[in-house]
Amino acid sequence: LQQAIKVVRRKSNREFSHAPSLGCTTAARKKMETCLKDGCSVEMLLELEDRLEKDERKVQSTMHRVHPMMNEHPHEAAWSLASYEDLLHHLTHLHAQLHV
């Protein structure tokens, strides 16, 4: 997940697609790892799930904005979409793990 966020936040992609700020900060990711490994309170689980849901919506929204750019900037848009798809995969995977 951390690597996928770094790829999305690269300067060229950030400027091209206006990459959103994400709630899955390093601290939040560590809380998620601890929650998955050792368990956590229901309140913490709900907070983490809320962050993931918001980030998933932000990524999907950004992807919808990038799709129309395919004709004018095919290389940049394709790279940007691939990086967002990878990030979305990591977010949904982690979200599914929290539901178990």
PDB file of N, CA and C in Angstrom:
ATOM      1  N   LEU A   1       0.829  -1.188   0.000  1.00  0.00           N
ATOM      2  CA  LEU A   1       0.000   0.000   0.000  1.00  0.00           C
ATOM      3  C   LEU A   1       0.876   1.256   0.000  1.00  0.00           C
ATOM      4  N   GLN A   2       1.888   1.269   0.845  1.00  0.00           N
ATOM      5  CA  GLN A   2       2.743   2.450   0.936  1.00  0.00           C
ATOM      6  C   GLN A   2       3.413   2.749  -0.401  1.00  0.00           C
ATOM      7  N   GLN A   3       3.899   1.722  -1.079  1.00  0.00           N
ATOM      8  CA  GLN A   3       4.541   1.921  -2.379  1.00  0.00           C
ATOM      9  C   GLN A   3       3.536   2.427  -3.404  1.00  0.00           C
ATOM     10  N   ALA A   4       2.318   1.893  -3.383  1.00  0.00           N
ATOM     11  CA  ALA A   4       1.290   2.335  -4.328  1.00  0.00           C
ATOM     12  C   ALA A   4       0.946   3.811  -4.103  1.00  0.00           C
ATOM     13  N   ILE A   5       0.908   4.230  -2.849  1.00  0.00           N
ATOM     14  CA  ILE A   5       0.637   5.643  -2.549  1.00  0.00           C
ATOM     15  C   ILE A   5       1.787   6.507  -3.057  1.00  0.00           C
ATOM     16  N   LYS A   6       3.029   6.042  -2.856  1.00  0.00           N
ATOM     17  CA  LYS A   6       4.180   6.810  -3.335  1.00  0.00           C
ATOM     18  C   LYS A   6       4.140   6.986  -4.844  1.00  0.00           C
ATOM     19  N   VAL A   7       3.768   5.949  -5.565  1.00  0.00           N
ATOM     20  CA  VAL A   7       3.707   6.022  -7.026  1.00  0.00           C
ATOM     21  C   VAL A   7       2.660   7.051  -7.454  1.00  0.00           C
ATOM     22  N   VAL A   8       1.494   7.010  -6.825  1.00  0.00           N
ATOM     23  CA  VAL A   8       0.428   7.963  -7.156  1.00  0.00           C
ATOM     24  C   VAL A   8       0.851   9.389  -6.834  1.00  0.00           C
ATOM     25  N   ARG A   9       1.605   9.547  -5.746  1.00  0.00           N
ATOM     26  CA  ARG A   9       1.981  10.890  -5.298  1.00  0.00           C
ATOM     27  C   ARG A   9       3.230  11.433  -6.002  1.00  0.00           C
ATOM     28  N   ARG A  10       3.814  10.688  -6.957  1.00  0.00           N
ATOM     29  CA  ARG A  10       4.955  11.221  -7.706  1.00  0.00           C
ATOM     30  C   ARG A  10       4.569  12.550  -8.323  1.00  0.00           C
ATOM     31  N   LYS A  11       5.524  13.449  -8.383  1.00  0.00           N
ATOM     32  CA  LYS A  11       5.254  14.811  -8.834  1.00  0.00           C
ATOM     33  C   LYS A  11       4.574  14.849 -10.204  1.00  0.00           C
ATOM     34  N   SER A  12       5.073  14.074 -11.158  1.00  0.00           N
ATOM     35  CA  SER A  12       4.493  14.119 -12.498  1.00  0.00           C
ATOM     36  C   SER A  12       3.031  13.682 -12.500  1.00  0.00           C
ATOM     37  N   ASN A  13       2.700  12.649 -11.747  1.00  0.00           N
ATOM     38  CA  ASN A  13       1.315  12.188 -11.678  1.00  0.00           C
ATOM     39  C   ASN A  13       0.464  13.143 -10.849  1.00  0.00           C
ATOM     40  N   ARG A  14       1.027  13.631  -9.773  1.00  0.00           N
ATOM     41  CA  ARG A  14       0.296  14.561  -8.903  1.00  0.00           C
ATOM     42  C   ARG A  14      -0.112  15.801  -9.678  1.00  0.00           C
ATOM     43  N   GLU A  15       0.788  16.317 -10.502  1.00  0.00           N
ATOM     44  CA  GLU A  15       0.486  17.507 -11.284  1.00  0.00           C
ATOM     45  C   GLU A  15      -0.457  17.198 -12.439  1.00  0.00           C
ATOM     46  N   PHE A  16      -0.287  16.049 -13.086  1.00  0.00           N
ATOM     47  CA  PHE A  16      -1.123  15.690 -14.233  1.00  0.00           C
ATOM     48  C   PHE A  16      -2.562  15.431 -13.806  1.00  0.00           C
ATOM     49  N   SER A  17      -2.734  14.633 -12.774  1.00  0.00           N
ATOM     50  CA  SER A  17      -4.080  14.200 -12.397  1.00  0.00           C
ATOM     51  C   SER A  17      -4.638  14.921 -11.186  1.00  0.00           C
ATOM     52  N   HIS A  18      -3.872  15.829 -10.619  1.00  0.00           N
ATOM     53  CA  HIS A  18      -4.288  16.518  -9.389  1.00  0.00           C
ATOM     54  C   HIS A  18      -4.627  15.477  -8.321  1.00  0.00           C
ATOM     55  N   ALA A  19      -3.649  14.635  -8.026  1.00  0.00           N
ATOM     56  CA  ALA A  19      -3.827  13.531  -7.084  1.00  0.00           C
ATOM     57  C   ALA A  19      -4.392  14.036  -5.754  1.00  0.00           C
ATOM     58  N   PRO A  20      -5.392  13.341  -5.234  1.00  0.00           N
ATOM     59  CA  PRO A  20      -6.011  13.776  -3.975  1.00  0.00           C
ATOM     60  C   PRO A  20      -5.127  13.440  -2.777  1.00  0.00           C
ATOM     61  N   SER A  21      -5.338  14.171  -1.707  1.00  0.00           N
ATOM     62  CA  SER A  21      -4.668  13.792  -0.461  1.00  0.00           C
ATOM     63  C   SER A  21      -5.441  12.614   0.114  1.00  0.00           C
ATOM     64  N   LEU A  22      -4.725  11.701   0.712  1.00  0.00           N
ATOM     65  CA  LEU A  22      -5.339  10.472   1.202  1.00  0.00           C
ATOM     66  C   LEU A  22      -5.313  10.411   2.721  1.00  0.00           C
ATOM     67  N   GLY A  23      -6.314   9.752   3.279  1.00  0.00           N
ATOM     68  CA  GLY A  23      -6.400   9.594   4.731  1.00  0.00           C
ATOM     69  C   GLY A  23      -5.554   8.444   5.250  1.00  0.00           C
ATOM     70  N   CYS A  24      -5.090   7.593   4.353  1.00  0.00           N
ATOM     71  CA  CYS A  24      -4.248   6.459   4.756  1.00  0.00           C
ATOM     72  C   CYS A  24      -2.818   6.941   4.933  1.00  0.00           C
ATOM     73  N   THR A  25      -2.603   7.691   5.976  1.00  0.00           N
ATOM     74  CA  THR A  25      -1.277   8.178   6.310  1.00  0.00           C
ATOM     75  C   THR A  25      -0.450   7.031   6.878  1.00  0.00           C
ATOM     76  N   THR A  26       0.810   7.281   7.104  1.00  0.00           N
ATOM     77  CA  THR A  26       1.677   6.259   7.686  1.00  0.00           C
ATOM     78  C   THR A  26       1.126   5.806   9.042  1.00  0.00           C
ATOM     79  N   ALA A  27       0.687   6.744   9.840  1.00  0.00           N
ATOM     80  CA  ALA A  27       0.136   6.398  11.156  1.00  0.00           C
ATOM     81  C   ALA A  27      -1.121   5.538  11.018  1.00  0.00           C
ATOM     82  N   ALA A  28      -1.978   5.889  10.075  1.00  0.00           N
ATOM     83  CA  ALA A  28      -3.204   5.112   9.869  1.00  0.00           C
ATOM     84  C   ALA A  28      -2.883   3.707   9.366  1.00  0.00           C
ATOM     85  N   ARG A  29      -1.905   3.601   8.469  1.00  0.00           N
ATOM     86  CA  ARG A  29      -1.518   2.273   7.970  1.00  0.00           C
ATOM     87  C   ARG A  29      -0.957   1.414   9.099  1.00  0.00           C
ATOM     88  N   LYS A  30      -0.196   2.012  10.002  1.00  0.00           N
ATOM     89  CA  LYS A  30       0.349   1.263  11.143  1.00  0.00           C
ATOM     90  C   LYS A  30      -0.782   0.792  12.062  1.00  0.00           C
ATOM     91  N   LYS A  31      -1.786   1.658  12.261  1.00  0.00           N
ATOM     92  CA  LYS A  31      -2.939   1.259  13.075  1.00  0.00           C
ATOM     93  C   LYS A  31      -3.666   0.085  12.425  1.00  0.00           C
ATOM     94  N   MET A  32      -3.780   0.125  11.079  1.00  0.00           N
ATOM     95  CA  MET A  32      -4.455  -0.959  10.372  1.00  0.00           C
ATOM     96  C   MET A  32      -3.679  -2.265  10.524  1.00  0.00           C
ATOM     97  N   GLU A  33      -2.365  -2.196  10.401  1.00  0.00           N
ATOM     98  CA  GLU A  33      -1.537  -3.388  10.561  1.00  0.00           C
ATOM     99  C   GLU A  33      -1.679  -3.963  11.968  1.00  0.00           C
ATOM    100  N   THR A  34      -1.665  -3.092  12.970  1.00  0.00           N
ATOM    101  CA  THR A  34      -1.820  -3.531  14.353  1.00  0.00           C
ATOM    102  C   THR A  34      -3.199  -4.143  14.561  1.00  0.00           C
ATOM    103  N   CYS A  35      -4.202  -3.506  13.989  1.00  0.00           N
ATOM    104  CA  CYS A  35      -5.574  -3.994  14.115  1.00  0.00           C
ATOM    105  C   CYS A  35      -5.709  -5.387  13.496  1.00  0.00           C
ATOM    106  N   LEU A  36      -5.089  -5.574  12.334  1.00  0.00           N
ATOM    107  CA  LEU A  36      -5.160  -6.871  11.670  1.00  0.00           C
ATOM    108  C   LEU A  36      -4.392  -7.946  12.437  1.00  0.00           C
ATOM    109  N   LYS A  37      -3.277  -7.550  13.015  1.00  0.00           N
ATOM    110  CA  LYS A  37      -2.409  -8.516  13.702  1.00  0.00           C
ATOM    111  C   LYS A  37      -2.906  -8.826  15.115  1.00  0.00           C
ATOM    112  N   ASP A  38      -3.227  -7.778  15.883  1.00  0.00           N
ATOM    113  CA  ASP A  38      -3.535  -7.951  17.304  1.00  0.00           C
ATOM    114  C   ASP A  38      -4.997  -7.714  17.652  1.00  0.00           C
ATOM    115  N   GLY A  39      -5.767  -7.230  16.698  1.00  0.00           N
ATOM    116  CA  GLY A  39      -7.152  -6.876  16.983  1.00  0.00           C
ATOM    117  C   GLY A  39      -7.248  -5.432  17.458  1.00  0.00           C
ATOM    118  N   CYS A  40      -8.460  -4.896  17.463  1.00  0.00           N
ATOM    119  CA  CYS A  40      -8.674  -3.522  17.914  1.00  0.00           C
ATOM    120  C   CYS A  40     -10.132  -3.332  18.298  1.00  0.00           C
ATOM    121  N   SER A  41     -10.421  -2.180  18.852  1.00  0.00           N
ATOM    122  CA  SER A  41     -11.783  -1.886  19.279  1.00  0.00           C
ATOM    123  C   SER A  41     -12.691  -1.689  18.062  1.00  0.00           C
ATOM    124  N   VAL A  42     -13.968  -1.823  18.285  1.00  0.00           N
ATOM    125  CA  VAL A  42     -14.947  -1.609  17.217  1.00  0.00           C
ATOM    126  C   VAL A  42     -14.860  -0.175  16.710  1.00  0.00           C
ATOM    127  N   GLU A  43     -14.682   0.773  17.626  1.00  0.00           N
ATOM    128  CA  GLU A  43     -14.578   2.175  17.233  1.00  0.00           C
ATOM    129  C   GLU A  43     -13.390   2.405  16.302  1.00  0.00           C
ATOM    130  N   MET A  44     -12.246   1.803  16.641  1.00  0.00           N
ATOM    131  CA  MET A  44     -11.049   1.944  15.813  1.00  0.00           C
ATOM    132  C   MET A  44     -11.284   1.296  14.452  1.00  0.00           C
ATOM    133  N   LEU A  45     -11.892   0.139  14.444  1.00  0.00           N
ATOM    134  CA  LEU A  45     -12.179  -0.559  13.192  1.00  0.00           C
ATOM    135  C   LEU A  45     -13.082   0.283  12.301  1.00  0.00           C
ATOM    136  N   LEU A  46     -14.104   0.884  12.869  1.00  0.00           N
ATOM    137  CA  LEU A  46     -15.012   1.724  12.095  1.00  0.00           C
ATOM    138  C   LEU A  46     -14.302   2.972  11.560  1.00  0.00           C
ATOM    139  N   GLU A  47     -13.427   3.549  12.363  1.00  0.00           N
ATOM    140  CA  GLU A  47     -12.662   4.722  11.924  1.00  0.00           C
ATOM    141  C   GLU A  47     -11.753   4.368  10.743  1.00  0.00           C
ATOM    142  N   LEU A  48     -11.074   3.240  10.850  1.00  0.00           N
ATOM    143  CA  LEU A  48     -10.169   2.816   9.786  1.00  0.00           C
ATOM    144  C   LEU A  48     -10.942   2.484   8.505  1.00  0.00           C
ATOM    145  N   GLU A  49     -12.066   1.815   8.657  1.00  0.00           N
ATOM    146  CA  GLU A  49     -12.892   1.502   7.489  1.00  0.00           C
ATOM    147  C   GLU A  49     -13.395   2.776   6.827  1.00  0.00           C
ATOM    148  N   ASP A  50     -13.753   3.763   7.633  1.00  0.00           N
ATOM    149  CA  ASP A  50     -14.222   5.040   7.089  1.00  0.00           C
ATOM    150  C   ASP A  50     -13.120   5.711   6.266  1.00  0.00           C
ATOM    151  N   ARG A  51     -11.899   5.697   6.780  1.00  0.00           N
ATOM    152  CA  ARG A  51     -10.767   6.273   6.032  1.00  0.00           C
ATOM    153  C   ARG A  51     -10.570   5.559   4.703  1.00  0.00           C
ATOM    154  N   LEU A  52     -10.621   4.239   4.743  1.00  0.00           N
ATOM    155  CA  LEU A  52     -10.438   3.471   3.518  1.00  0.00           C
ATOM    156  C   LEU A  52     -11.544   3.762   2.503  1.00  0.00           C
ATOM    157  N   GLU A  53     -12.783   3.822   2.972  1.00  0.00           N
ATOM    158  CA  GLU A  53     -13.901   4.117   2.070  1.00  0.00           C
ATOM    159  C   GLU A  53     -13.739   5.489   1.425  1.00  0.00           C
ATOM    160  N   LYS A  54     -13.352   6.470   2.215  1.00  0.00           N
ATOM    161  CA  LYS A  54     -13.153   7.814   1.668  1.00  0.00           C
ATOM    162  C   LYS A  54     -12.032   7.828   0.640  1.00  0.00           C
ATOM    163  N   ASP A  55     -10.936   7.146   0.938  1.00  0.00           N
ATOM    164  CA  ASP A  55      -9.818   7.093  -0.003  1.00  0.00           C
ATOM    165  C   ASP A  55     -10.207   6.363  -1.285  1.00  0.00           C
ATOM    166  N   GLU A  56     -10.973   5.286  -1.152  1.00  0.00           N
ATOM    167  CA  GLU A  56     -11.432   4.556  -2.338  1.00  0.00           C
ATOM    168  C   GLU A  56     -12.270   5.478  -3.228  1.00  0.00           C
ATOM    169  N   ARG A  57     -13.172   6.248  -2.628  1.00  0.00           N
ATOM    170  CA  ARG A  57     -14.011   7.176  -3.414  1.00  0.00           C
ATOM    171  C   ARG A  57     -13.163   8.263  -4.068  1.00  0.00           C
ATOM    172  N   LYS A  58     -12.165   8.775  -3.346  1.00  0.00           N
ATOM    173  CA  LYS A  58     -11.282   9.798  -3.918  1.00  0.00           C
ATOM    174  C   LYS A  58     -10.525   9.255  -5.127  1.00  0.00           C
ATOM    175  N   VAL A  59     -10.006   8.043  -5.001  1.00  0.00           N
ATOM    176  CA  VAL A  59      -9.257   7.437  -6.097  1.00  0.00           C
ATOM    177  C   VAL A  59     -10.179   7.196  -7.295  1.00  0.00           C
ATOM    178  N   GLN A  60     -11.369   6.669  -7.054  1.00  0.00           N
ATOM    179  CA  GLN A  60     -12.313   6.425  -8.145  1.00  0.00           C
ATOM    180  C   GLN A  60     -12.711   7.734  -8.827  1.00  0.00           C
ATOM    181  N   SER A  61     -12.925   8.769  -8.050  1.00  0.00           N
ATOM    182  CA  SER A  61     -13.282  10.074  -8.609  1.00  0.00           C
ATOM    183  C   SER A  61     -12.156  10.619  -9.478  1.00  0.00           C
ATOM    184  N   THR A  62     -10.934  10.482  -9.006  1.00  0.00           N
ATOM    185  CA  THR A  62      -9.784  10.953  -9.777  1.00  0.00           C
ATOM    186  C   THR A  62      -9.651  10.158 -11.068  1.00  0.00           C
ATOM    187  N   MET A  63      -9.883   8.861 -11.002  1.00  0.00           N
ATOM    188  CA  MET A  63      -9.808   8.033 -12.202  1.00  0.00           C
ATOM    189  C   MET A  63     -10.839   8.483 -13.237  1.00  0.00           C
ATOM    190  N   HIS A  64     -12.028   8.855 -12.780  1.00  0.00           N
ATOM    191  CA  HIS A  64     -13.064   9.347 -13.697  1.00  0.00           C
ATOM    192  C   HIS A  64     -12.645  10.657 -14.359  1.00  0.00           C
ATOM    193  N   ARG A  65     -11.896  11.473 -13.635  1.00  0.00           N
ATOM    194  CA  ARG A  65     -11.405  12.731 -14.221  1.00  0.00           C
ATOM    195  C   ARG A  65     -10.283  12.484 -15.218  1.00  0.00           C
ATOM    196  N   VAL A  66      -9.496  11.432 -15.007  1.00  0.00           N
ATOM    197  CA  VAL A  66      -8.356  11.145 -15.882  1.00  0.00           C
ATOM    198  C   VAL A  66      -8.798  10.465 -17.180  1.00  0.00           C
ATOM    199  N   HIS A  67      -9.818   9.642 -17.141  1.00  0.00           N
ATOM    200  CA  HIS A  67     -10.268   8.913 -18.342  1.00  0.00           C
ATOM    201  C   HIS A  67     -10.453   9.813 -19.566  1.00  0.00           C
ATOM    202  N   PRO A  68     -11.118  10.950 -19.454  1.00  0.00           N
ATOM    203  CA  PRO A  68     -11.292  11.799 -20.637  1.00  0.00           C
ATOM    204  C   PRO A  68      -9.981  12.359 -21.205  1.00  0.00           C
ATOM    205  N   MET A  69      -8.907  12.313 -20.446  1.00  0.00           N
ATOM    206  CA  MET A  69      -7.624  12.837 -20.901  1.00  0.00           C
ATOM    207  C   MET A  69      -6.881  11.855 -21.811  1.00  0.00           C
ATOM    208  N   MET A  70      -7.424  10.641 -21.991  1.00  0.00           N
ATOM    209  CA  MET A  70      -6.750   9.608 -22.781  1.00  0.00           C
ATOM    210  C   MET A  70      -6.483  10.054 -24.218  1.00  0.00           C
ATOM    211  N   ASN A  71      -7.394  10.788 -24.830  1.00  0.00           N
ATOM    212  CA  ASN A  71      -7.207  11.204 -26.225  1.00  0.00           C
ATOM    213  C   ASN A  71      -6.098  12.236 -26.374  1.00  0.00           C
ATOM    214  N   GLU A  72      -6.071  13.182 -25.472  1.00  0.00           N
ATOM    215  CA  GLU A  72      -5.109  14.270 -25.580  1.00  0.00           C
ATOM    216  C   GLU A  72      -3.731  13.913 -25.020  1.00  0.00           C
ATOM    217  N   HIS A  73      -3.708  13.137 -23.951  1.00  0.00           N
ATOM    218  CA  HIS A  73      -2.443  12.764 -23.282  1.00  0.00           C
ATOM    219  C   HIS A  73      -2.437  11.259 -23.015  1.00  0.00           C
ATOM    220  N   PRO A  74      -2.354  10.431 -24.048  1.00  0.00           N
ATOM    221  CA  PRO A  74      -2.514   8.982 -23.845  1.00  0.00           C
ATOM    222  C   PRO A  74      -1.465   8.355 -22.930  1.00  0.00           C
ATOM    223  N   HIS A  75      -0.211   8.739 -23.074  1.00  0.00           N
ATOM    224  CA  HIS A  75       0.847   8.131 -22.254  1.00  0.00           C
ATOM    225  C   HIS A  75       0.668   8.497 -20.780  1.00  0.00           C
ATOM    226  N   GLU A  76       0.515   9.772 -20.499  1.00  0.00           N
ATOM    227  CA  GLU A  76       0.379  10.227 -19.107  1.00  0.00           C
ATOM    228  C   GLU A  76      -0.892   9.682 -18.471  1.00  0.00           C
ATOM    229  N   ALA A  77      -1.985   9.694 -19.223  1.00  0.00           N
ATOM    230  CA  ALA A  77      -3.254   9.215 -18.674  1.00  0.00           C
ATOM    231  C   ALA A  77      -3.194   7.713 -18.397  1.00  0.00           C
ATOM    232  N   ALA A  78      -2.592   6.956 -19.313  1.00  0.00           N
ATOM    233  CA  ALA A  78      -2.487   5.508 -19.107  1.00  0.00           C
ATOM    234  C   ALA A  78      -1.649   5.201 -17.873  1.00  0.00           C
ATOM    235  N   TRP A  79      -0.524   5.892 -17.727  1.00  0.00           N
ATOM    236  CA  TRP A  79       0.335   5.666 -16.564  1.00  0.00           C
ATOM    237  C   TRP A  79      -0.412   6.055 -15.288  1.00  0.00           C
ATOM    238  N   SER A  80      -1.092   7.180 -15.327  1.00  0.00           N
ATOM    239  CA  SER A  80      -1.826   7.659 -14.165  1.00  0.00           C
ATOM    240  C   SER A  80      -2.927   6.673 -13.776  1.00  0.00           C
ATOM    241  N   LEU A  81      -3.691   6.224 -14.757  1.00  0.00           N
ATOM    242  CA  LEU A  81      -4.767   5.274 -14.469  1.00  0.00           C
ATOM    243  C   LEU A  81      -4.222   3.966 -13.904  1.00  0.00           C
ATOM    244  N   ALA A  82      -3.119   3.495 -14.439  1.00  0.00           N
ATOM    245  CA  ALA A  82      -2.521   2.259 -13.927  1.00  0.00           C
ATOM    246  C   ALA A  82      -2.093   2.415 -12.473  1.00  0.00           C
ATOM    247  N   SER A  83      -1.523   3.568 -12.149  1.00  0.00           N
ATOM    248  CA  SER A  83      -1.091   3.781 -10.764  1.00  0.00           C
ATOM    249  C   SER A  83      -2.296   3.874  -9.824  1.00  0.00           C
ATOM    250  N   TYR A  84      -3.381   4.511 -10.291  1.00  0.00           N
ATOM    251  CA  TYR A  84      -4.587   4.592  -9.459  1.00  0.00           C
ATOM    252  C   TYR A  84      -5.258   3.230  -9.318  1.00  0.00           C
ATOM    253  N   GLU A  85      -5.267   2.440 -10.378  1.00  0.00           N
ATOM    254  CA  GLU A  85      -5.845   1.095 -10.293  1.00  0.00           C
ATOM    255  C   GLU A  85      -5.087   0.243  -9.289  1.00  0.00           C
ATOM    256  N   ASP A  86      -3.767   0.356  -9.297  1.00  0.00           N
ATOM    257  CA  ASP A  86      -2.953  -0.390  -8.338  1.00  0.00           C
ATOM    258  C   ASP A  86      -3.262   0.055  -6.909  1.00  0.00           C
ATOM    259  N   LEU A  87      -3.341   1.356  -6.700  1.00  0.00           N
ATOM    260  CA  LEU A  87      -3.663   1.877  -5.369  1.00  0.00           C
ATOM    261  C   LEU A  87      -5.050   1.424  -4.938  1.00  0.00           C
ATOM    262  N   LEU A  88      -6.020   1.503  -5.832  1.00  0.00           N
ATOM    263  CA  LEU A  88      -7.381   1.085  -5.502  1.00  0.00           C
ATOM    264  C   LEU A  88      -7.413  -0.398  -5.139  1.00  0.00           C
ATOM    265  N   HIS A  89      -6.651  -1.210  -5.848  1.00  0.00           N
ATOM    266  CA  HIS A  89      -6.559  -2.636  -5.524  1.00  0.00           C
ATOM    267  C   HIS A  89      -6.044  -2.824  -4.094  1.00  0.00           C
ATOM    268  N   HIS A  90      -4.991  -2.107  -3.725  1.00  0.00           N
ATOM    269  CA  HIS A  90      -4.436  -2.224  -2.371  1.00  0.00           C
ATOM    270  C   HIS A  90      -5.437  -1.754  -1.316  1.00  0.00           C
ATOM    271  N   LEU A  91      -6.122  -0.660  -1.591  1.00  0.00           N
ATOM    272  CA  LEU A  91      -7.100  -0.138  -0.629  1.00  0.00           C
ATOM    273  C   LEU A  91      -8.251  -1.117  -0.430  1.00  0.00           C
ATOM    274  N   THR A  92      -8.795  -1.648  -1.525  1.00  0.00           N
ATOM    275  CA  THR A  92      -9.934  -2.575  -1.409  1.00  0.00           C
ATOM    276  C   THR A  92      -9.497  -3.885  -0.754  1.00  0.00           C
ATOM    277  N   HIS A  93      -8.275  -4.328  -1.030  1.00  0.00           N
ATOM    278  CA  HIS A  93      -7.759  -5.542  -0.395  1.00  0.00           C
ATOM    279  C   HIS A  93      -7.645  -5.350   1.122  1.00  0.00           C
ATOM    280  N   LEU A  94      -7.076  -4.220   1.526  1.00  0.00           N
ATOM    281  CA  LEU A  94      -6.942  -3.935   2.954  1.00  0.00           C
ATOM    282  C   LEU A  94      -8.317  -3.784   3.602  1.00  0.00           C
ATOM    283  N   HIS A  95      -9.230  -3.143   2.908  1.00  0.00           N
ATOM    284  CA  HIS A  95     -10.590  -2.970   3.408  1.00  0.00           C
ATOM    285  C   HIS A  95     -11.241  -4.336   3.626  1.00  0.00           C
ATOM    286  N   ALA A  96     -11.048  -5.241   2.668  1.00  0.00           N
ATOM    287  CA  ALA A  96     -11.614  -6.591   2.811  1.00  0.00           C
ATOM    288  C   ALA A  96     -10.992  -7.321   4.001  1.00  0.00           C
ATOM    289  N   GLN A  97      -9.710  -7.139   4.228  1.00  0.00           N
ATOM    290  CA  GLN A  97      -9.046  -7.766   5.371  1.00  0.00           C
ATOM    291  C   GLN A  97      -9.626  -7.278   6.688  1.00  0.00           C
ATOM    292  N   LEU A  98      -9.957  -5.997   6.767  1.00  0.00           N
ATOM    293  CA  LEU A  98     -10.525  -5.455   8.003  1.00  0.00           C
ATOM    294  C   LEU A  98     -11.916  -6.020   8.282  1.00  0.00           C
ATOM    295  N   HIS A  99     -12.605  -6.459   7.239  1.00  0.00           N
ATOM    296  CA  HIS A  99     -13.950  -7.010   7.400  1.00  0.00           C
ATOM    297  C   HIS A  99     -13.952  -8.443   7.914  1.00  0.00           C
ATOM    298  N   VAL A 100     -12.816  -9.105   7.844  1.00  0.00           N
ATOM    299  CA  VAL A 100     -12.756 -10.525   8.233  1.00  0.00           C
ATOM    300  C   VAL A 100     -12.865 -10.701   9.694  1.00  0.00           C
TER     301      VAL A 100
END
